[in-house]
Every structure is written in C-alpha cells, then in structure tokens.
PDB file of N, CA and C in Angstrom:
ATOM      1  N   MET A   1      21.321 -12.990  -7.353  1.00  0.00           N
ATOM      2  CA  MET A   1      20.315 -12.169  -8.009  1.00  0.00           C
ATOM      3  C   MET A   1      20.024 -10.943  -7.148  1.00  0.00           C
ATOM      4  N   THR A   2      20.062  -9.778  -7.739  1.00  0.00           N
ATOM      5  CA  THR A   2      19.826  -8.535  -7.015  1.00  0.00           C
ATOM      6  C   THR A   2      18.351  -8.187  -7.087  1.00  0.00           C
ATOM      7  N   SER A   3      17.787  -7.851  -5.949  1.00  0.00           N
ATOM      8  CA  SER A   3      16.377  -7.456  -5.950  1.00  0.00           C
ATOM      9  C   SER A   3      16.282  -5.942  -6.023  1.00  0.00           C
ATOM     10  N   SER A   4      15.267  -5.480  -6.743  1.00  0.00           N
ATOM     11  CA  SER A   4      15.079  -4.042  -6.867  1.00  0.00           C
ATOM     12  C   SER A   4      14.345  -3.521  -5.648  1.00  0.00           C
ATOM     13  N   PRO A   5      14.528  -2.241  -5.321  1.00  0.00           N
ATOM     14  CA  PRO A   5      13.848  -1.678  -4.149  1.00  0.00           C
ATOM     15  C   PRO A   5      12.335  -1.682  -4.344  1.00  0.00           C
ATOM     16  N   VAL A   6      11.628  -1.829  -3.262  1.00  0.00           N
ATOM     17  CA  VAL A   6      10.170  -1.795  -3.291  1.00  0.00           C
ATOM     18  C   VAL A   6       9.736  -0.335  -3.289  1.00  0.00           C
ATOM     19  N   SER A   7       8.817   0.018  -4.178  1.00  0.00           N
ATOM     20  CA  SER A   7       8.348   1.401  -4.189  1.00  0.00           C
ATOM     21  C   SER A   7       6.868   1.445  -3.875  1.00  0.00           C
ATOM     22  N   ARG A   8       6.463   2.491  -3.203  1.00  0.00           N
ATOM     23  CA  ARG A   8       5.063   2.710  -2.841  1.00  0.00           C
ATOM     24  C   ARG A   8       4.733   4.173  -3.058  1.00  0.00           C
ATOM     25  N   VAL A   9       3.466   4.437  -3.330  1.00  0.00           N
ATOM     26  CA  VAL A   9       3.007   5.812  -3.415  1.00  0.00           C
ATOM     27  C   VAL A   9       2.486   6.191  -2.044  1.00  0.00           C
ATOM     28  N   VAL A  10       2.953   7.312  -1.525  1.00  0.00           N
ATOM     29  CA  VAL A  10       2.547   7.787  -0.212  1.00  0.00           C
ATOM     30  C   VAL A  10       1.755   9.072  -0.401  1.00  0.00           C
ATOM     31  N   TYR A  11       0.627   9.181   0.292  1.00  0.00           N
ATOM     32  CA  TYR A  11      -0.205  10.376   0.176  1.00  0.00           C
ATOM     33  C   TYR A  11      -0.243  11.097   1.506  1.00  0.00           C
ATOM     34  N   ASN A  12       0.061  12.372   1.470  1.00  0.00           N
ATOM     35  CA  ASN A  12       0.060  13.185   2.684  1.00  0.00           C
ATOM     36  C   ASN A  12      -1.051  14.225   2.601  1.00  0.00           C
ATOM     37  N   GLY A  13      -2.278  13.768   2.525  1.00  0.00           N
ATOM     38  CA  GLY A  13      -3.396  14.687   2.352  1.00  0.00           C
ATOM     39  C   GLY A  13      -4.385  14.638   3.490  1.00  0.00           C
ATOM     40  N   LYS A  14      -5.449  15.419   3.341  1.00  0.00           N
ATOM     41  CA  LYS A  14      -6.487  15.486   4.365  1.00  0.00           C
ATOM     42  C   LYS A  14      -7.601  14.500   4.061  1.00  0.00           C
ATOM     43  N   ARG A  15      -8.278  14.085   5.102  1.00  0.00           N
ATOM     44  CA  ARG A  15      -9.437  13.199   4.970  1.00  0.00           C
ATOM     45  C   ARG A  15     -10.676  14.060   4.773  1.00  0.00           C
ATOM     46  N   ASN A  16     -11.456  13.726   3.768  1.00  0.00           N
ATOM     47  CA  ASN A  16     -12.732  14.413   3.585  1.00  0.00           C
ATOM     48  C   ASN A  16     -13.820  13.364   3.530  1.00  0.00           C
ATOM     49  N   SER A  17     -15.053  13.756   3.715  1.00  0.00           N
ATOM     50  CA  SER A  17     -16.109  12.747   3.690  1.00  0.00           C
ATOM     51  C   SER A  17     -17.266  13.212   2.831  1.00  0.00           C
ATOM     52  N   SER A  18     -17.705  12.303   1.978  1.00  0.00           N
ATOM     53  CA  SER A  18     -18.938  12.490   1.232  1.00  0.00           C
ATOM     54  C   SER A  18     -19.575  11.121   1.135  1.00  0.00           C
ATOM     55  N   PRO A  19     -20.857  11.024   1.437  1.00  0.00           N
ATOM     56  CA  PRO A  19     -21.485   9.705   1.543  1.00  0.00           C
ATOM     57  C   PRO A  19     -21.550   8.943   0.216  1.00  0.00           C
ATOM     58  N   ARG A  20     -21.276   7.654   0.290  1.00  0.00           N
ATOM     59  CA  ARG A  20     -21.457   6.723  -0.827  1.00  0.00           C
ATOM     60  C   ARG A  20     -22.061   5.452  -0.238  1.00  0.00           C
ATOM     61  N   SER A  21     -23.024   4.892  -0.923  1.00  0.00           N
ATOM     62  CA  SER A  21     -23.615   3.654  -0.409  1.00  0.00           C
ATOM     63  C   SER A  21     -23.123   2.484  -1.251  1.00  0.00           C
ATOM     64  N   PRO A  22     -23.111   1.288  -0.679  1.00  0.00           N
ATOM     65  CA  PRO A  22     -22.640   0.120  -1.418  1.00  0.00           C
ATOM     66  C   PRO A  22     -23.521  -0.144  -2.633  1.00  0.00           C
ATOM     67  N   THR A  23     -22.910  -0.623  -3.715  1.00  0.00           N
ATOM     68  CA  THR A  23     -23.671  -0.887  -4.937  1.00  0.00           C
ATOM     69  C   THR A  23     -24.411  -2.203  -4.862  1.00  0.00           C
ATOM     70  N   ASN A  24     -23.920  -3.149  -4.078  1.00  0.00           N
ATOM     71  CA  ASN A  24     -24.562  -4.451  -3.953  1.00  0.00           C
ATOM     72  C   ASN A  24     -25.439  -4.446  -2.697  1.00  0.00           C
ATOM     73  N   SER A  25     -26.730  -4.323  -2.888  1.00  0.00           N
ATOM     74  CA  SER A  25     -27.628  -4.178  -1.741  1.00  0.00           C
ATOM     75  C   SER A  25     -27.813  -5.475  -0.955  1.00  0.00           C
ATOM     76  N   SER A  26     -27.348  -6.625  -1.488  1.00  0.00           N
ATOM     77  CA  SER A  26     -27.488  -7.880  -0.749  1.00  0.00           C
ATOM     78  C   SER A  26     -26.454  -7.992   0.370  1.00  0.00           C
ATOM     79  N   GLU A  27     -25.419  -7.153   0.335  1.00  0.00           N
ATOM     80  CA  GLU A  27     -24.412  -7.168   1.388  1.00  0.00           C
ATOM     81  C   GLU A  27     -24.781  -6.151   2.459  1.00  0.00           C
ATOM     82  N   ILE A  28     -24.567  -6.512   3.715  1.00  0.00           N
ATOM     83  CA  ILE A  28     -24.866  -5.615   4.819  1.00  0.00           C
ATOM     84  C   ILE A  28     -23.551  -5.165   5.441  1.00  0.00           C
ATOM     85  N   PHE A  29     -23.366  -3.848   5.511  1.00  0.00           N
ATOM     86  CA  PHE A  29     -22.152  -3.279   6.068  1.00  0.00           C
ATOM     87  C   PHE A  29     -22.487  -2.460   7.305  1.00  0.00           C
ATOM     88  N   THR A  30     -21.591  -2.488   8.271  1.00  0.00           N
ATOM     89  CA  THR A  30     -21.765  -1.632   9.436  1.00  0.00           C
ATOM     90  C   THR A  30     -21.399  -0.209   9.052  1.00  0.00           C
ATOM     91  N   PRO A  31     -21.905   0.776   9.774  1.00  0.00           N
ATOM     92  CA  PRO A  31     -21.521   2.168   9.478  1.00  0.00           C
ATOM     93  C   PRO A  31     -20.007   2.379   9.557  1.00  0.00           C
ATOM     94  N   ALA A  32     -19.334   1.713  10.484  1.00  0.00           N
ATOM     95  CA  ALA A  32     -17.878   1.853  10.596  1.00  0.00           C
ATOM     96  C   ALA A  32     -17.190   1.303   9.353  1.00  0.00           C
ATOM     97  N   HIS A  33     -17.667   0.174   8.846  1.00  0.00           N
ATOM     98  CA  HIS A  33     -17.097  -0.410   7.632  1.00  0.00           C
ATOM     99  C   HIS A  33     -17.292   0.536   6.455  1.00  0.00           C
ATOM    100  N   GLU A  34     -18.510   1.055   6.313  1.00  0.00           N
ATOM    101  CA  GLU A  34     -18.794   1.990   5.220  1.00  0.00           C
ATOM    102  C   GLU A  34     -17.896   3.212   5.286  1.00  0.00           C
ATOM    103  N   GLU A  35     -17.675   3.735   6.490  1.00  0.00           N
ATOM    104  CA  GLU A  35     -16.816   4.906   6.669  1.00  0.00           C
ATOM    105  C   GLU A  35     -15.378   4.584   6.271  1.00  0.00           C
ATOM    106  N   ASN A  36     -14.892   3.409   6.669  1.00  0.00           N
ATOM    107  CA  ASN A  36     -13.524   3.013   6.312  1.00  0.00           C
ATOM    108  C   ASN A  36     -13.365   2.857   4.802  1.00  0.00           C
ATOM    109  N   VAL A  37     -14.323   2.200   4.181  1.00  0.00           N
ATOM    110  CA  VAL A  37     -14.259   2.016   2.728  1.00  0.00           C
ATOM    111  C   VAL A  37     -14.333   3.359   2.024  1.00  0.00           C
ATOM    112  N   ARG A  38     -15.224   4.226   2.480  1.00  0.00           N
ATOM    113  CA  ARG A  38     -15.370   5.556   1.877  1.00  0.00           C
ATOM    114  C   ARG A  38     -14.079   6.345   2.006  1.00  0.00           C
ATOM    115  N   PHE A  39     -13.462   6.303   3.182  1.00  0.00           N
ATOM    116  CA  PHE A  39     -12.210   7.027   3.400  1.00  0.00           C
ATOM    117  C   PHE A  39     -11.108   6.520   2.467  1.00  0.00           C
ATOM    118  N   ILE A  40     -10.950   5.207   2.389  1.00  0.00           N
ATOM    119  CA  ILE A  40      -9.901   4.638   1.532  1.00  0.00           C
ATOM    120  C   ILE A  40     -10.164   4.968   0.069  1.00  0.00           C
ATOM    121  N   TYR A  41     -11.410   4.817  -0.361  1.00  0.00           N
ATOM    122  CA  TYR A  41     -11.762   5.108  -1.752  1.00  0.00           C
ATOM    123  C   TYR A  41     -11.482   6.570  -2.102  1.00  0.00           C
ATOM    124  N   GLU A  42     -11.968   7.471  -1.268  1.00  0.00           N
ATOM    125  CA  GLU A  42     -11.796   8.898  -1.548  1.00  0.00           C
ATOM    126  C   GLU A  42     -10.324   9.311  -1.475  1.00  0.00           C
ATOM    127  N   ALA A  43      -9.596   8.749  -0.520  1.00  0.00           N
ATOM    128  CA  ALA A  43      -8.173   9.077  -0.409  1.00  0.00           C
ATOM    129  C   ALA A  43      -7.425   8.586  -1.644  1.00  0.00           C
ATOM    130  N   TRP A  44      -7.748   7.394  -2.114  1.00  0.00           N
ATOM    131  CA  TRP A  44      -7.060   6.866  -3.293  1.00  0.00           C
ATOM    132  C   TRP A  44      -7.419   7.661  -4.543  1.00  0.00           C
ATOM    133  N   GLN A  45      -8.686   8.062  -4.671  1.00  0.00           N
ATOM    134  CA  GLN A  45      -9.080   8.896  -5.811  1.00  0.00           C
ATOM    135  C   GLN A  45      -8.301  10.205  -5.795  1.00  0.00           C
ATOM    136  N   SER A  46      -8.115  10.759  -4.618  1.00  0.00           N
ATOM    137  CA  SER A  46      -7.348  12.000  -4.478  1.00  0.00           C
ATOM    138  C   SER A  46      -5.885  11.783  -4.852  1.00  0.00           C
ATOM    139  N   VAL A  47      -5.320  10.656  -4.429  1.00  0.00           N
ATOM    140  CA  VAL A  47      -3.934  10.328  -4.785  1.00  0.00           C
ATOM    141  C   VAL A  47      -3.794  10.233  -6.292  1.00  0.00           C
ATOM    142  N   GLU A  48      -4.713   9.511  -6.930  1.00  0.00           N
ATOM    143  CA  GLU A  48      -4.639   9.363  -8.381  1.00  0.00           C
ATOM    144  C   GLU A  48      -4.771  10.704  -9.097  1.00  0.00           C
ATOM    145  N   ARG A  49      -5.689  11.562  -8.622  1.00  0.00           N
ATOM    146  CA  ARG A  49      -5.849  12.894  -9.213  1.00  0.00           C
ATOM    147  C   ARG A  49      -4.574  13.705  -9.071  1.00  0.00           C
ATOM    148  N   ASP A  50      -4.008  13.719  -7.845  1.00  0.00           N
ATOM    149  CA  ASP A  50      -2.779  14.471  -7.604  1.00  0.00           C
ATOM    150  C   ASP A  50      -1.632  13.935  -8.437  1.00  0.00           C
ATOM    151  N   LEU A  51      -1.526  12.627  -8.549  1.00  0.00           N
ATOM    152  CA  LEU A  51      -0.454  12.016  -9.315  1.00  0.00           C
ATOM    153  C   LEU A  51      -0.581  12.364 -10.786  1.00  0.00           C
ATOM    154  N   ARG A  52      -1.807  12.288 -11.324  1.00  0.00           N
ATOM    155  CA  ARG A  52      -2.018  12.657 -12.739  1.00  0.00           C
ATOM    156  C   ARG A  52      -1.655  14.117 -12.975  1.00  0.00           C
ATOM    157  N   SER A  53      -2.054  15.003 -12.081  1.00  0.00           N
ATOM    158  CA  SER A  53      -1.744  16.418 -12.281  1.00  0.00           C
ATOM    159  C   SER A  53      -0.242  16.674 -12.157  1.00  0.00           C
ATOM    160  N   GLN A  54       0.414  15.969 -11.254  1.00  0.00           N
ATOM    161  CA  GLN A  54       1.868  16.102 -11.125  1.00  0.00           C
ATOM    162  C   GLN A  54       2.569  15.612 -12.376  1.00  0.00           C
ATOM    163  N   LEU A  55       2.144  14.459 -12.886  1.00  0.00           N
ATOM    164  CA  LEU A  55       2.787  13.892 -14.069  1.00  0.00           C
ATOM    165  C   LEU A  55       2.579  14.769 -15.290  1.00  0.00           C
ATOM    166  N   SER A  56       1.403  15.364 -15.412  1.00  0.00           N
ATOM    167  CA  SER A  56       1.128  16.203 -16.583  1.00  0.00           C
ATOM    168  C   SER A  56       1.802  17.566 -16.472  1.00  0.00           C
ATOM    169  N   GLY A  57       1.950  18.059 -15.228  1.00  0.00           N
ATOM    170  CA  GLY A  57       2.527  19.389 -15.066  1.00  0.00           C
ATOM    171  C   GLY A  57       3.979  19.398 -14.638  1.00  0.00           C
ATOM    172  N   GLY A  58       4.506  18.250 -14.265  1.00  0.00           N
ATOM    173  CA  GLY A  58       5.898  18.182 -13.835  1.00  0.00           C
ATOM    174  C   GLY A  58       6.163  18.867 -12.506  1.00  0.00           C
ATOM    175  N   GLU A  59       5.114  19.155 -11.739  1.00  0.00           N
ATOM    176  CA  GLU A  59       5.293  19.843 -10.460  1.00  0.00           C
ATOM    177  C   GLU A  59       5.389  18.840  -9.315  1.00  0.00           C
ATOM    178  N   ARG A  60       5.935  19.256  -8.216  1.00  0.00           N
ATOM    179  CA  ARG A  60       6.019  18.396  -7.031  1.00  0.00           C
ATOM    180  C   ARG A  60       4.850  18.758  -6.129  1.00  0.00           C
ATOM    181  N   GLY A  61       4.072  17.779  -5.749  1.00  0.00           N
ATOM    182  CA  GLY A  61       2.887  18.033  -4.949  1.00  0.00           C
ATOM    183  C   GLY A  61       2.839  17.171  -3.712  1.00  0.00           C
ATOM    184  N   LEU A  62       1.634  16.723  -3.373  1.00  0.00           N
ATOM    185  CA  LEU A  62       1.441  15.925  -2.168  1.00  0.00           C
ATOM    186  C   LEU A  62       1.842  14.465  -2.335  1.00  0.00           C
ATOM    187  N   VAL A  63       1.897  13.975  -3.553  1.00  0.00           N
ATOM    188  CA  VAL A  63       2.187  12.570  -3.790  1.00  0.00           C
ATOM    189  C   VAL A  63       3.670  12.400  -4.090  1.00  0.00           C
ATOM    190  N   GLU A  64       4.293  11.486  -3.370  1.00  0.00           N
ATOM    191  CA  GLU A  64       5.680  11.186  -3.671  1.00  0.00           C
ATOM    192  C   GLU A  64       5.907   9.686  -3.539  1.00  0.00           C
ATOM    193  N   GLU A  65       6.877   9.187  -4.267  1.00  0.00           N
ATOM    194  CA  GLU A  65       7.161   7.759  -4.251  1.00  0.00           C
ATOM    195  C   GLU A  65       8.075   7.430  -3.088  1.00  0.00           C
ATOM    196  N   TYR A  66       7.710   6.394  -2.362  1.00  0.00           N
ATOM    197  CA  TYR A  66       8.535   5.918  -1.253  1.00  0.00           C
ATOM    198  C   TYR A  66       9.298   4.691  -1.734  1.00  0.00           C
ATOM    199  N   VAL A  67      10.605   4.712  -1.580  1.00  0.00           N
ATOM    200  CA  VAL A  67      11.429   3.577  -1.970  1.00  0.00           C
ATOM    201  C   VAL A  67      12.227   3.147  -0.754  1.00  0.00           C
ATOM    202  N   GLU A  68      12.088   1.878  -0.382  1.00  0.00           N
ATOM    203  CA  GLU A  68      12.841   1.371   0.757  1.00  0.00           C
ATOM    204  C   GLU A  68      14.321   1.324   0.416  1.00  0.00           C
ATOM    205  N   LYS A  69      15.143   1.796   1.325  1.00  0.00           N
ATOM    206  CA  LYS A  69      16.592   1.771   1.098  1.00  0.00           C
ATOM    207  C   LYS A  69      17.119   0.344   1.191  1.00  0.00           C
ATOM    208  N   VAL A  70      16.581  -0.417   2.119  1.00  0.00           N
ATOM    209  CA  VAL A  70      16.979  -1.821   2.280  1.00  0.00           C
ATOM    210  C   VAL A  70      15.707  -2.659   2.188  1.00  0.00           C
ATOM    211  N   PRO A  71      15.501  -3.335   1.050  1.00  0.00           N
ATOM    212  CA  PRO A  71      14.286  -4.139   0.898  1.00  0.00           C
ATOM    213  C   PRO A  71      14.201  -5.258   1.939  1.00  0.00           C
ATOM    214  N   ASN A  72      12.998  -5.555   2.366  1.00  0.00           N
ATOM    215  CA  ASN A  72      12.750  -6.607   3.338  1.00  0.00           C
ATOM    216  C   ASN A  72      12.952  -7.963   2.664  1.00  0.00           C
ATOM    217  N   PRO A  73      13.908  -8.777   3.132  1.00  0.00           N
ATOM    218  CA  PRO A  73      14.143 -10.067   2.486  1.00  0.00           C
ATOM    219  C   PRO A  73      12.939 -11.014   2.579  1.00  0.00           C
ATOM    220  N   GLY A  74      12.100 -10.828   3.567  1.00  0.00           N
ATOM    221  CA  GLY A  74      10.898 -11.650   3.696  1.00  0.00           C
ATOM    222  C   GLY A  74       9.903 -11.419   2.575  1.00  0.00           C
ATOM    223  N   LEU A  75      10.011 -10.285   1.887  1.00  0.00           N
ATOM    224  CA  LEU A  75       9.087  -9.970   0.793  1.00  0.00           C
ATOM    225  C   LEU A  75       9.659 -10.318  -0.577  1.00  0.00           C
ATOM    226  N   LYS A  76      10.805 -10.977  -0.585  1.00  0.00           N
ATOM    227  CA  LYS A  76      11.482 -11.289  -1.844  1.00  0.00           C
ATOM    228  C   LYS A  76      10.598 -12.103  -2.781  1.00  0.00           C
ATOM    229  N   THR A  77       9.827 -13.034  -2.238  1.00  0.00           N
ATOM    230  CA  THR A  77       8.975 -13.887  -3.072  1.00  0.00           C
ATOM    231  C   THR A  77       7.527 -13.399  -3.135  1.00  0.00           C
ATOM    232  N   PHE A  78       7.254 -12.233  -2.581  1.00  0.00           N
ATOM    233  CA  PHE A  78       5.888 -11.697  -2.575  1.00  0.00           C
ATOM    234  C   PHE A  78       5.404 -11.433  -3.992  1.00  0.00           C
ATOM    235  N   LYS A  79       4.196 -11.903  -4.272  1.00  0.00           N
ATOM    236  CA  LYS A  79       3.570 -11.642  -5.564  1.00  0.00           C
ATOM    237  C   LYS A  79       2.223 -10.991  -5.294  1.00  0.00           C
ATOM    238  N   PRO A  80       1.999  -9.771  -5.782  1.00  0.00           N
ATOM    239  CA  PRO A  80       0.712  -9.114  -5.552  1.00  0.00           C
ATOM    240  C   PRO A  80      -0.424  -9.898  -6.201  1.00  0.00           C
ATOM    241  N   ILE A  81      -1.615  -9.798  -5.610  1.00  0.00           N
ATOM    242  CA  ILE A  81      -2.772 -10.481  -6.174  1.00  0.00           C
ATOM    243  C   ILE A  81      -3.844  -9.459  -6.523  1.00  0.00           C
ATOM    244  N   ASP A  82      -4.674  -9.811  -7.451  1.00  0.00           N
ATOM    245  CA  ASP A  82      -5.798  -8.968  -7.851  1.00  0.00           C
ATOM    246  C   ASP A  82      -6.971  -9.311  -6.939  1.00  0.00           C
ATOM    247  N   LEU A  83      -7.286  -8.425  -5.995  1.00  0.00           N
ATOM    248  CA  LEU A  83      -8.344  -8.698  -5.026  1.00  0.00           C
ATOM    249  C   LEU A  83      -9.708  -8.841  -5.685  1.00  0.00           C
ATOM    250  N   SER A  84      -9.955  -8.092  -6.749  1.00  0.00           N
ATOM    251  CA  SER A  84     -11.237  -8.209  -7.453  1.00  0.00           C
ATOM    252  C   SER A  84     -11.382  -9.592  -8.054  1.00  0.00           C
ATOM    253  N   ASP A  85     -10.296 -10.093  -8.646  1.00  0.00           N
ATOM    254  CA  ASP A  85     -10.317 -11.424  -9.239  1.00  0.00           C
ATOM    255  C   ASP A  85     -10.511 -12.487  -8.165  1.00  0.00           C
ATOM    256  N   LEU A  86      -9.828 -12.343  -7.032  1.00  0.00           N
ATOM    257  CA  LEU A  86      -9.959 -13.286  -5.928  1.00  0.00           C
ATOM    258  C   LEU A  86     -11.397 -13.329  -5.414  1.00  0.00           C
ATOM    259  N   LYS A  87     -12.004 -12.156  -5.244  1.00  0.00           N
ATOM    260  CA  LYS A  87     -13.387 -12.091  -4.771  1.00  0.00           C
ATOM    261  C   LYS A  87     -14.329 -12.741  -5.783  1.00  0.00           C
ATOM    262  N   ARG A  88     -14.086 -12.469  -7.066  1.00  0.00           N
ATOM    263  CA  ARG A  88     -14.918 -13.037  -8.120  1.00  0.00           C
ATOM    264  C   ARG A  88     -14.822 -14.572  -8.100  1.00  0.00           C
ATOM    265  N   ARG A  89     -13.599 -15.101  -7.957  1.00  0.00           N
ATOM    266  CA  ARG A  89     -13.417 -16.551  -7.917  1.00  0.00           C
ATOM    267  C   ARG A  89     -14.069 -17.151  -6.675  1.00  0.00           C
ATOM    268  N   ASN A  90     -13.943 -16.491  -5.525  1.00  0.00           N
ATOM    269  CA  ASN A  90     -14.572 -16.997  -4.297  1.00  0.00           C
ATOM    270  C   ASN A  90     -16.092 -16.975  -4.405  1.00  0.00           C
ATOM    271  N   THR A  91     -16.629 -15.948  -5.032  1.00  0.00           N
ATOM    272  CA  THR A  91     -18.073 -15.851  -5.228  1.00  0.00           C
ATOM    273  C   THR A  91     -18.557 -16.962  -6.138  1.00  0.00           C
ATOM    274  N   GLN A  92     -17.810 -17.242  -7.196  1.00  0.00           N
ATOM    275  CA  GLN A  92     -18.178 -18.325  -8.112  1.00  0.00           C
ATOM    276  C   GLN A  92     -18.102 -19.677  -7.408  1.00  0.00           C
ATOM    277  N   ASP A  93     -17.080 -19.887  -6.580  1.00  0.00           N
ATOM    278  CA  ASP A  93     -16.944 -21.135  -5.847  1.00  0.00           C
ATOM    279  C   ASP A  93     -18.112 -21.326  -4.890  1.00  0.00           C
ATOM    280  N   THR A  94     -18.550 -20.247  -4.251  1.00  0.00           N
ATOM    281  CA  THR A  94     -19.665 -20.309  -3.308  1.00  0.00           C
ATOM    282  C   THR A  94     -20.953 -20.676  -4.037  1.00  0.00           C
ATOM    283  N   LYS A  95     -21.152 -20.127  -5.224  1.00  0.00           N
ATOM    284  CA  LYS A  95     -22.359 -20.414  -5.993  1.00  0.00           C
ATOM    285  C   LYS A  95     -22.390 -21.868  -6.460  1.00  0.00           C
ATOM    286  N   LYS A  96     -21.220 -22.459  -6.721  1.00  0.00           N
ATOM    287  CA  LYS A  96     -21.144 -23.859  -7.164  1.00  0.00           C
ATOM    288  C   LYS A  96     -21.487 -24.815  -6.025  1.00  0.00           C
ATOM    289  N   SER A  97     -21.226 -24.397  -4.792  1.00  0.00           N
ATOM    290  CA  SER A  97     -21.453 -25.285  -3.635  1.00  0.00           C
ATOM    291  C   SER A  97     -22.918 -25.417  -3.297  1.00  0.00           C
TER     292      SER A  97
END
C-alpha cells in the first residue's frame, strides 16, 4: 500500500499582538499562556485570511503548502483528533466523577 505525502500549511508572516481575554472566567491562565494562545490564534487567523485571498485571487502569497518528499513511516498510522471534542469529553467525564 502506497502512502500519500503529508501536507502542511506553512505561514511565513509577522507576529502581531492585540489583547484577548479567555472566554471562560473559571479558568486561570498565566500571562505567558495567554500570550502564547493569542499568538497562535492570531497567526492562524492570518493564515486563513491569506489562504482565502490566495484561493480567490489565484495569487501566490505568504501561505504555501509543505509536502514531505519522504513521509515519516512512524506517522503511517497517525490519525488526527479533534481537540475540542477531546476537551468536551474530558470535561463531561470530570463532571460525572
């Protein structure tokens, strides 16, 4: 069985900062955690915006697809998981206990 190459979206952009606070006030986050989450969120929003504009305009921009030339055999059985679903299930399990 031949495995297809793994593809990833790579973003080569700048980091910007605009404050966002957590929506769930019962959770306590350190300032470093908040900064990391804010950076990842804003960077991903920028990637999605750039990708949408590239797809609609057919232009080449900051977002490009990375495809491994030789896929890692250790990842052959890797199955992505939905982190939101996992968190939701863990939260429900905690409430049942």
